[in-house]
Amino acid sequence: SGDVDLAAEAIRLTRQLAAQFQHEEVAGLLALM
C-alpha cells in the first residue's frame, strides 16, 4: 500500500519461513499475504 514495492519479497521470505517452521502464525501470515 505504500510507495515502495516490497510485497513480493516479503512473500518470498515468508514462504521460506513457512518451509522451516511448522508454526500456525507463520502460516497465518503467509495466507494473509
PDB file of all heavy atoms in Angstrom:
ATOM      1  N   SER A   1       0.799  -1.224   0.000  1.00  0.00           N
ATOM      2  CA  SER A   1       0.000   0.000   0.000  1.00  0.00           C
ATOM      3  C   SER A   1       0.829   1.271   0.000  1.00  0.00           C
ATOM      4  O   SER A   1       0.291   2.354  -0.065  1.00  0.00           O
ATOM      5  CB  SER A   1      -0.919   0.020   1.232  1.00  0.00           C
ATOM      6  OG  SER A   1      -0.152  -0.002   2.423  1.00  0.00           O
ATOM      7  N   GLY A   2       2.150   1.164   0.103  1.00  0.00           N
ATOM      8  CA  GLY A   2       2.972   2.359   0.201  1.00  0.00           C
ATOM      9  C   GLY A   2       3.643   2.713  -1.101  1.00  0.00           C
ATOM     10  O   GLY A   2       3.193   2.378  -2.193  1.00  0.00           O
ATOM     11  N   ASP A   3       4.767   3.415  -0.990  1.00  0.00           N
ATOM     12  CA  ASP A   3       5.460   3.939  -2.160  1.00  0.00           C
ATOM     13  C   ASP A   3       6.588   3.036  -2.644  1.00  0.00           C
ATOM     14  O   ASP A   3       7.203   3.297  -3.668  1.00  0.00           O
ATOM     15  CB  ASP A   3       6.035   5.324  -1.834  1.00  0.00           C
ATOM     16  CG  ASP A   3       4.943   6.293  -1.434  1.00  0.00           C
ATOM     17  OD1 ASP A   3       3.866   6.226  -2.053  1.00  0.00           O
ATOM     18  OD2 ASP A   3       5.154   7.100  -0.523  1.00  0.00           O
ATOM     19  N   VAL A   4       6.900   1.973  -1.903  1.00  0.00           N
ATOM     20  CA  VAL A   4       7.992   1.074  -2.266  1.00  0.00           C
ATOM     21  C   VAL A   4       7.425  -0.329  -2.455  1.00  0.00           C
ATOM     22  O   VAL A   4       6.665  -0.820  -1.628  1.00  0.00           O
ATOM     23  CB  VAL A   4       9.069   1.055  -1.155  1.00  0.00           C
ATOM     24  CG1 VAL A   4      10.202   0.123  -1.540  1.00  0.00           C
ATOM     25  CG2 VAL A   4       9.589   2.464  -0.896  1.00  0.00           C
ATOM     26  N   ASP A   5       7.791  -0.988  -3.556  1.00  0.00           N
ATOM     27  CA  ASP A   5       7.241  -2.305  -3.851  1.00  0.00           C
ATOM     28  C   ASP A   5       8.101  -3.387  -3.205  1.00  0.00           C
ATOM     29  O   ASP A   5       9.115  -3.797  -3.747  1.00  0.00           O
ATOM     30  CB  ASP A   5       7.172  -2.511  -5.361  1.00  0.00           C
ATOM     31  CG  ASP A   5       6.448  -3.806  -5.717  1.00  0.00           C
ATOM     32  OD1 ASP A   5       6.055  -4.529  -4.781  1.00  0.00           O
ATOM     33  OD2 ASP A   5       6.274  -4.078  -6.906  1.00  0.00           O
ATOM     34  N   LEU A   6       7.671  -3.844  -2.042  1.00  0.00           N
ATOM     35  CA  LEU A   6       8.396  -4.882  -1.323  1.00  0.00           C
ATOM     36  C   LEU A   6       7.520  -6.114  -1.083  1.00  0.00           C
ATOM     37  O   LEU A   6       7.943  -7.050  -0.409  1.00  0.00           O
ATOM     38  CB  LEU A   6       8.881  -4.347   0.029  1.00  0.00           C
ATOM     39  CG  LEU A   6       9.898  -3.206  -0.003  1.00  0.00           C
ATOM     40  CD1 LEU A   6      10.087  -2.636   1.379  1.00  0.00           C
ATOM     41  CD2 LEU A   6      11.218  -3.692  -0.556  1.00  0.00           C
ATOM     42  N   ALA A   7       6.293  -6.108  -1.617  1.00  0.00           N
ATOM     43  CA  ALA A   7       5.342  -7.160  -1.275  1.00  0.00           C
ATOM     44  C   ALA A   7       5.820  -8.535  -1.723  1.00  0.00           C
ATOM     45  O   ALA A   7       5.747  -9.507  -0.954  1.00  0.00           O
ATOM     46  CB  ALA A   7       3.976  -6.841  -1.881  1.00  0.00           C
ATOM     47  N   ALA A   8       6.292  -8.657  -2.969  1.00  0.00           N
ATOM     48  CA  ALA A   8       6.721  -9.972  -3.469  1.00  0.00           C
ATOM     49  C   ALA A   8       7.909 -10.503  -2.672  1.00  0.00           C
ATOM     50  O   ALA A   8       8.005 -11.704  -2.402  1.00  0.00           O
ATOM     51  CB  ALA A   8       7.075  -9.883  -4.953  1.00  0.00           C
ATOM     52  N   GLU A   9       8.820  -9.606  -2.279  1.00  0.00           N
ATOM     53  CA  GLU A   9       9.969 -10.039  -1.476  1.00  0.00           C
ATOM     54  C   GLU A   9       9.515 -10.527  -0.104  1.00  0.00           C
ATOM     55  O   GLU A   9      10.018 -11.528   0.414  1.00  0.00           O
ATOM     56  CB  GLU A   9      10.960  -8.881  -1.329  1.00  0.00           C
ATOM     57  CG  GLU A   9      12.103  -9.124  -0.359  1.00  0.00           C
ATOM     58  CD  GLU A   9      13.132 -10.115  -0.861  1.00  0.00           C
ATOM     59  OE1 GLU A   9      12.908 -10.759  -1.913  1.00  0.00           O
ATOM     60  OE2 GLU A   9      14.175 -10.267  -0.202  1.00  0.00           O
ATOM     61  N   ALA A  10       8.540  -9.845   0.504  1.00  0.00           N
ATOM     62  CA  ALA A  10       8.027 -10.284   1.802  1.00  0.00           C
ATOM     63  C   ALA A  10       7.373 -11.658   1.693  1.00  0.00           C
ATOM     64  O   ALA A  10       7.534 -12.513   2.572  1.00  0.00           O
ATOM     65  CB  ALA A  10       7.032  -9.258   2.348  1.00  0.00           C
ATOM     66  N   ILE A  11       6.629 -11.888   0.614  1.00  0.00           N
ATOM     67  CA  ILE A  11       6.001 -13.200   0.407  1.00  0.00           C
ATOM     68  C   ILE A  11       7.069 -14.274   0.227  1.00  0.00           C
ATOM     69  O   ILE A  11       6.983 -15.375   0.789  1.00  0.00           O
ATOM     70  CB  ILE A  11       5.050 -13.156  -0.801  1.00  0.00           C
ATOM     71  CG1 ILE A  11       3.833 -12.291  -0.480  1.00  0.00           C
ATOM     72  CG2 ILE A  11       4.605 -14.567  -1.194  1.00  0.00           C
ATOM     73  CD1 ILE A  11       2.909 -12.064  -1.658  1.00  0.00           C
ATOM     74  N   ARG A  12       8.091 -13.966  -0.549  1.00  0.00           N
ATOM     75  CA  ARG A  12       9.174 -14.933  -0.776  1.00  0.00           C
ATOM     76  C   ARG A  12       9.811 -15.365   0.539  1.00  0.00           C
ATOM     77  O   ARG A  12      10.014 -16.561   0.794  1.00  0.00           O
ATOM     78  CB  ARG A  12      10.225 -14.311  -1.696  1.00  0.00           C
ATOM     79  CG  ARG A  12      11.352 -15.248  -2.077  1.00  0.00           C
ATOM     80  CD  ARG A  12      12.352 -14.532  -2.969  1.00  0.00           C
ATOM     81  NE  ARG A  12      13.181 -13.601  -2.229  1.00  0.00           N
ATOM     82  CZ  ARG A  12      14.317 -13.934  -1.620  1.00  0.00           C
ATOM     83  NH1 ARG A  12      14.736 -15.186  -1.641  1.00  0.00           N
ATOM     84  NH2 ARG A  12      15.025 -13.028  -0.982  1.00  0.00           N
ATOM     85  N   LEU A  13      10.099 -14.390   1.392  1.00  0.00           N
ATOM     86  CA  LEU A  13      10.747 -14.707   2.659  1.00  0.00           C
ATOM     87  C   LEU A  13       9.806 -15.447   3.606  1.00  0.00           C
ATOM     88  O   LEU A  13      10.231 -16.343   4.355  1.00  0.00           O
ATOM     89  CB  LEU A  13      11.254 -13.417   3.309  1.00  0.00           C
ATOM     90  CG  LEU A  13      12.389 -12.718   2.557  1.00  0.00           C
ATOM     91  CD1 LEU A  13      12.693 -11.368   3.189  1.00  0.00           C
ATOM     92  CD2 LEU A  13      13.642 -13.577   2.529  1.00  0.00           C
ATOM     93  N   THR A  14       8.531 -15.097   3.572  1.00  0.00           N
ATOM     94  CA  THR A  14       7.569 -15.787   4.437  1.00  0.00           C
ATOM     95  C   THR A  14       7.377 -17.227   3.982  1.00  0.00           C
ATOM     96  O   THR A  14       7.173 -18.130   4.798  1.00  0.00           O
ATOM     97  CB  THR A  14       6.228 -15.035   4.464  1.00  0.00           C
ATOM     98  OG1 THR A  14       6.472 -13.661   4.810  1.00  0.00           O
ATOM     99  CG2 THR A  14       5.286 -15.628   5.501  1.00  0.00           C
ATOM    100  N   ARG A  15       7.457 -17.477   2.675  1.00  0.00           N
ATOM    101  CA  ARG A  15       7.416 -18.862   2.188  1.00  0.00           C
ATOM    102  C   ARG A  15       8.608 -19.648   2.753  1.00  0.00           C
ATOM    103  O   ARG A  15       8.462 -20.800   3.175  1.00  0.00           O
ATOM    104  CB  ARG A  15       7.458 -18.884   0.661  1.00  0.00           C
ATOM    105  CG  ARG A  15       6.158 -18.504  -0.031  1.00  0.00           C
ATOM    106  CD  ARG A  15       6.270 -18.791  -1.524  1.00  0.00           C
ATOM    107  NE  ARG A  15       5.114 -18.358  -2.278  1.00  0.00           N
ATOM    108  CZ  ARG A  15       3.975 -19.029  -2.372  1.00  0.00           C
ATOM    109  NH1 ARG A  15       3.841 -20.166  -1.709  1.00  0.00           N
ATOM    110  NH2 ARG A  15       2.976 -18.573  -3.104  1.00  0.00           N
ATOM    111  N   GLN A  16       9.771 -19.026   2.735  1.00  0.00           N
ATOM    112  CA  GLN A  16      10.957 -19.695   3.285  1.00  0.00           C
ATOM    113  C   GLN A  16      10.752 -19.995   4.771  1.00  0.00           C
ATOM    114  O   GLN A  16      11.098 -21.081   5.256  1.00  0.00           O
ATOM    115  CB  GLN A  16      12.188 -18.819   3.096  1.00  0.00           C
ATOM    116  CG  GLN A  16      12.654 -18.681   1.663  1.00  0.00           C
ATOM    117  CD  GLN A  16      13.941 -17.881   1.552  1.00  0.00           C
ATOM    118  OE1 GLN A  16      14.563 -17.552   2.556  1.00  0.00           O
ATOM    119  NE2 GLN A  16      14.331 -17.572   0.323  1.00  0.00           N
ATOM    120  N   LEU A  17      10.190 -19.031   5.482  1.00  0.00           N
ATOM    121  CA  LEU A  17       9.966 -19.216   6.912  1.00  0.00           C
ATOM    122  C   LEU A  17       8.970 -20.346   7.161  1.00  0.00           C
ATOM    123  O   LEU A  17       9.163 -21.180   8.060  1.00  0.00           O
ATOM    124  CB  LEU A  17       9.443 -17.906   7.514  1.00  0.00           C
ATOM    125  CG  LEU A  17       9.474 -17.775   9.031  1.00  0.00           C
ATOM    126  CD1 LEU A  17      10.901 -17.868   9.558  1.00  0.00           C
ATOM    127  CD2 LEU A  17       8.850 -16.445   9.458  1.00  0.00           C
ATOM    128  N   ALA A  18       7.912 -20.405   6.348  1.00  0.00           N
ATOM    129  CA  ALA A  18       6.913 -21.458   6.496  1.00  0.00           C
ATOM    130  C   ALA A  18       7.500 -22.830   6.198  1.00  0.00           C
ATOM    131  O   ALA A  18       7.082 -23.840   6.783  1.00  0.00           O
ATOM    132  CB  ALA A  18       5.727 -21.177   5.579  1.00  0.00           C
ATOM    133  N   ALA A  19       8.485 -22.884   5.285  1.00  0.00           N
ATOM    134  CA  ALA A  19       9.129 -24.161   4.970  1.00  0.00           C
ATOM    135  C   ALA A  19      10.011 -24.644   6.110  1.00  0.00           C
ATOM    136  O   ALA A  19      10.266 -25.845   6.243  1.00  0.00           O
ATOM    137  CB  ALA A  19       9.952 -24.022   3.688  1.00  0.00           C
ATOM    138  N   GLN A  20      10.467 -23.712   6.960  1.00  0.00           N
ATOM    139  CA  GLN A  20      11.374 -24.059   8.054  1.00  0.00           C
ATOM    140  C   GLN A  20      10.659 -24.289   9.377  1.00  0.00           C
ATOM    141  O   GLN A  20      11.168 -24.994  10.240  1.00  0.00           O
ATOM    142  CB  GLN A  20      12.409 -22.944   8.233  1.00  0.00           C
ATOM    143  CG  GLN A  20      13.332 -22.741   7.040  1.00  0.00           C
ATOM    144  CD  GLN A  20      14.287 -21.584   7.251  1.00  0.00           C
ATOM    145  OE1 GLN A  20      14.707 -21.309   8.370  1.00  0.00           O
ATOM    146  NE2 GLN A  20      14.631 -20.889   6.170  1.00  0.00           N
ATOM    147  N   PHE A  21       9.470 -23.673   9.560  1.00  0.00           N
ATOM    148  CA  PHE A  21       8.778 -23.738  10.845  1.00  0.00           C
ATOM    149  C   PHE A  21       7.333 -24.186  10.642  1.00  0.00           C
ATOM    150  O   PHE A  21       6.601 -23.602   9.846  1.00  0.00           O
ATOM    151  CB  PHE A  21       8.767 -22.363  11.524  1.00  0.00           C
ATOM    152  CG  PHE A  21      10.115 -21.871  11.967  1.00  0.00           C
ATOM    153  CD1 PHE A  21      10.896 -21.103  11.110  1.00  0.00           C
ATOM    154  CD2 PHE A  21      10.607 -22.163  13.234  1.00  0.00           C
ATOM    155  CE1 PHE A  21      12.137 -20.646  11.503  1.00  0.00           C
ATOM    156  CE2 PHE A  21      11.848 -21.706  13.640  1.00  0.00           C
ATOM    157  CZ  PHE A  21      12.617 -20.954  12.767  1.00  0.00           C
ATOM    158  N   GLN A  22       6.924 -25.210  11.384  1.00  0.00           N
ATOM    159  CA  GLN A  22       5.515 -25.596  11.431  1.00  0.00           C
ATOM    160  C   GLN A  22       4.851 -24.753  12.517  1.00  0.00           C
ATOM    161  O   GLN A  22       4.654 -25.201  13.642  1.00  0.00           O
ATOM    162  CB  GLN A  22       5.387 -27.096  11.723  1.00  0.00           C
ATOM    163  CG  GLN A  22       5.889 -27.987  10.612  1.00  0.00           C
ATOM    164  CD  GLN A  22       5.119 -27.774   9.321  1.00  0.00           C
ATOM    165  OE1 GLN A  22       3.894 -27.777   9.309  1.00  0.00           O
ATOM    166  NE2 GLN A  22       5.841 -27.581   8.215  1.00  0.00           N
ATOM    167  N   HIS A  23       4.534 -23.523  12.166  1.00  0.00           N
ATOM    168  CA  HIS A  23       4.068 -22.532  13.124  1.00  0.00           C
ATOM    169  C   HIS A  23       2.769 -21.938  12.591  1.00  0.00           C
ATOM    170  O   HIS A  23       2.712 -21.451  11.463  1.00  0.00           O
ATOM    171  CB  HIS A  23       5.148 -21.449  13.279  1.00  0.00           C
ATOM    172  CG  HIS A  23       4.931 -20.492  14.401  1.00  0.00           C
ATOM    173  ND1 HIS A  23       3.883 -19.607  14.445  1.00  0.00           N
ATOM    174  CD2 HIS A  23       5.652 -20.258  15.528  1.00  0.00           C
ATOM    175  CE1 HIS A  23       3.957 -18.874  15.543  1.00  0.00           C
ATOM    176  NE2 HIS A  23       5.013 -19.253  16.214  1.00  0.00           N
ATOM    177  N   GLU A  24       1.710 -21.967  13.419  1.00  0.00           N
ATOM    178  CA  GLU A  24       0.397 -21.528  12.959  1.00  0.00           C
ATOM    179  C   GLU A  24       0.400 -20.072  12.488  1.00  0.00           C
ATOM    180  O   GLU A  24      -0.243 -19.727  11.492  1.00  0.00           O
ATOM    181  CB  GLU A  24      -0.643 -21.689  14.082  1.00  0.00           C
ATOM    182  CG  GLU A  24      -0.921 -23.123  14.473  1.00  0.00           C
ATOM    183  CD  GLU A  24       0.150 -23.694  15.392  1.00  0.00           C
ATOM    184  OE1 GLU A  24       0.990 -22.916  15.887  1.00  0.00           O
ATOM    185  OE2 GLU A  24       0.159 -24.934  15.598  1.00  0.00           O
ATOM    186  N   GLU A  25       1.130 -19.222  13.183  1.00  0.00           N
ATOM    187  CA  GLU A  25       1.123 -17.811  12.821  1.00  0.00           C
ATOM    188  C   GLU A  25       1.980 -17.529  11.587  1.00  0.00           C
ATOM    189  O   GLU A  25       1.703 -16.596  10.839  1.00  0.00           O
ATOM    190  CB  GLU A  25       1.580 -16.942  13.996  1.00  0.00           C
ATOM    191  CG  GLU A  25       0.485 -16.656  14.994  1.00  0.00           C
ATOM    192  CD  GLU A  25      -0.601 -15.768  14.406  1.00  0.00           C
ATOM    193  OE1 GLU A  25      -1.490 -16.302  13.720  1.00  0.00           O
ATOM    194  OE2 GLU A  25      -0.557 -14.545  14.621  1.00  0.00           O
ATOM    195  N   VAL A  26       3.012 -18.334  11.351  1.00  0.00           N
ATOM    196  CA  VAL A  26       3.756 -18.206  10.094  1.00  0.00           C
ATOM    197  C   VAL A  26       2.813 -18.529   8.936  1.00  0.00           C
ATOM    198  O   VAL A  26       2.757 -17.807   7.931  1.00  0.00           O
ATOM    199  CB  VAL A  26       4.984 -19.135  10.074  1.00  0.00           C
ATOM    200  CG1 VAL A  26       5.656 -19.094   8.712  1.00  0.00           C
ATOM    201  CG2 VAL A  26       5.974 -18.734  11.166  1.00  0.00           C
ATOM    202  N   ALA A  27       2.061 -19.621   9.086  1.00  0.00           N
ATOM    203  CA  ALA A  27       1.092 -19.991   8.055  1.00  0.00           C
ATOM    204  C   ALA A  27       0.012 -18.920   7.915  1.00  0.00           C
ATOM    205  O   ALA A  27      -0.407 -18.581   6.799  1.00  0.00           O
ATOM    206  CB  ALA A  27       0.460 -21.336   8.401  1.00  0.00           C
ATOM    207  N   GLY A  28      -0.423 -18.378   9.044  1.00  0.00           N
ATOM    208  CA  GLY A  28      -1.446 -17.335   9.002  1.00  0.00           C
ATOM    209  C   GLY A  28      -0.970 -16.104   8.258  1.00  0.00           C
ATOM    210  O   GLY A  28      -1.709 -15.508   7.463  1.00  0.00           O
ATOM    211  N   LEU A  29       0.275 -15.714   8.511  1.00  0.00           N
ATOM    212  CA  LEU A  29       0.816 -14.539   7.820  1.00  0.00           C
ATOM    213  C   LEU A  29       0.960 -14.810   6.332  1.00  0.00           C
ATOM    214  O   LEU A  29       0.632 -13.951   5.502  1.00  0.00           O
ATOM    215  CB  LEU A  29       2.162 -14.139   8.417  1.00  0.00           C
ATOM    216  CG  LEU A  29       2.839 -12.937   7.743  1.00  0.00           C
ATOM    217  CD1 LEU A  29       1.947 -11.697   7.797  1.00  0.00           C
ATOM    218  CD2 LEU A  29       4.196 -12.647   8.386  1.00  0.00           C
ATOM    219  N   LEU A  30       1.456 -15.987   5.969  1.00  0.00           N
ATOM    220  CA  LEU A  30       1.596 -16.306   4.548  1.00  0.00           C
ATOM    221  C   LEU A  30       0.232 -16.296   3.861  1.00  0.00           C
ATOM    222  O   LEU A  30       0.082 -15.746   2.757  1.00  0.00           O
ATOM    223  CB  LEU A  30       2.265 -17.678   4.373  1.00  0.00           C
ATOM    224  CG  LEU A  30       2.453 -18.151   2.930  1.00  0.00           C
ATOM    225  CD1 LEU A  30       3.245 -17.134   2.114  1.00  0.00           C
ATOM    226  CD2 LEU A  30       3.142 -19.517   2.908  1.00  0.00           C
ATOM    227  N   ALA A  31      -0.773 -16.877   4.505  1.00  0.00           N
ATOM    228  CA  ALA A  31      -2.126 -16.871   3.935  1.00  0.00           C
ATOM    229  C   ALA A  31      -2.636 -15.439   3.769  1.00  0.00           C
ATOM    230  O   ALA A  31      -3.216 -15.091   2.727  1.00  0.00           O
ATOM    231  CB  ALA A  31      -3.072 -17.671   4.830  1.00  0.00           C
ATOM    232  N   LEU A  32      -2.415 -14.612   4.775  1.00  0.00           N
ATOM    233  CA  LEU A  32      -2.857 -13.218   4.714  1.00  0.00           C
ATOM    234  C   LEU A  32      -2.208 -12.492   3.539  1.00  0.00           C
ATOM    235  O   LEU A  32      -2.873 -11.779   2.779  1.00  0.00           O
ATOM    236  CB  LEU A  32      -2.512 -12.521   6.032  1.00  0.00           C
ATOM    237  CG  LEU A  32      -2.810 -11.021   6.117  1.00  0.00           C
ATOM    238  CD1 LEU A  32      -4.299 -10.751   5.979  1.00  0.00           C
ATOM    239  CD2 LEU A  32      -2.284 -10.452   7.438  1.00  0.00           C
ATOM    240  N   MET A  33      -0.898 -12.670   3.397  1.00  0.00           N
ATOM    241  CA  MET A  33      -0.189 -12.015   2.289  1.00  0.00           C
ATOM    242  C   MET A  33      -0.730 -12.463   0.938  1.00  0.00           C
ATOM    243  O   MET A  33      -0.976 -11.648   0.038  1.00  0.00           O
ATOM    244  CB  MET A  33       1.309 -12.324   2.376  1.00  0.00           C
ATOM    245  CG  MET A  33       2.036 -11.635   3.518  1.00  0.00           C
ATOM    246  SD  MET A  33       3.776 -12.140   3.514  1.00  0.00           S
ATOM    247  CE  MET A  33       4.438 -11.076   4.798  1.00  0.00           C
TER     248      MET A  33
END
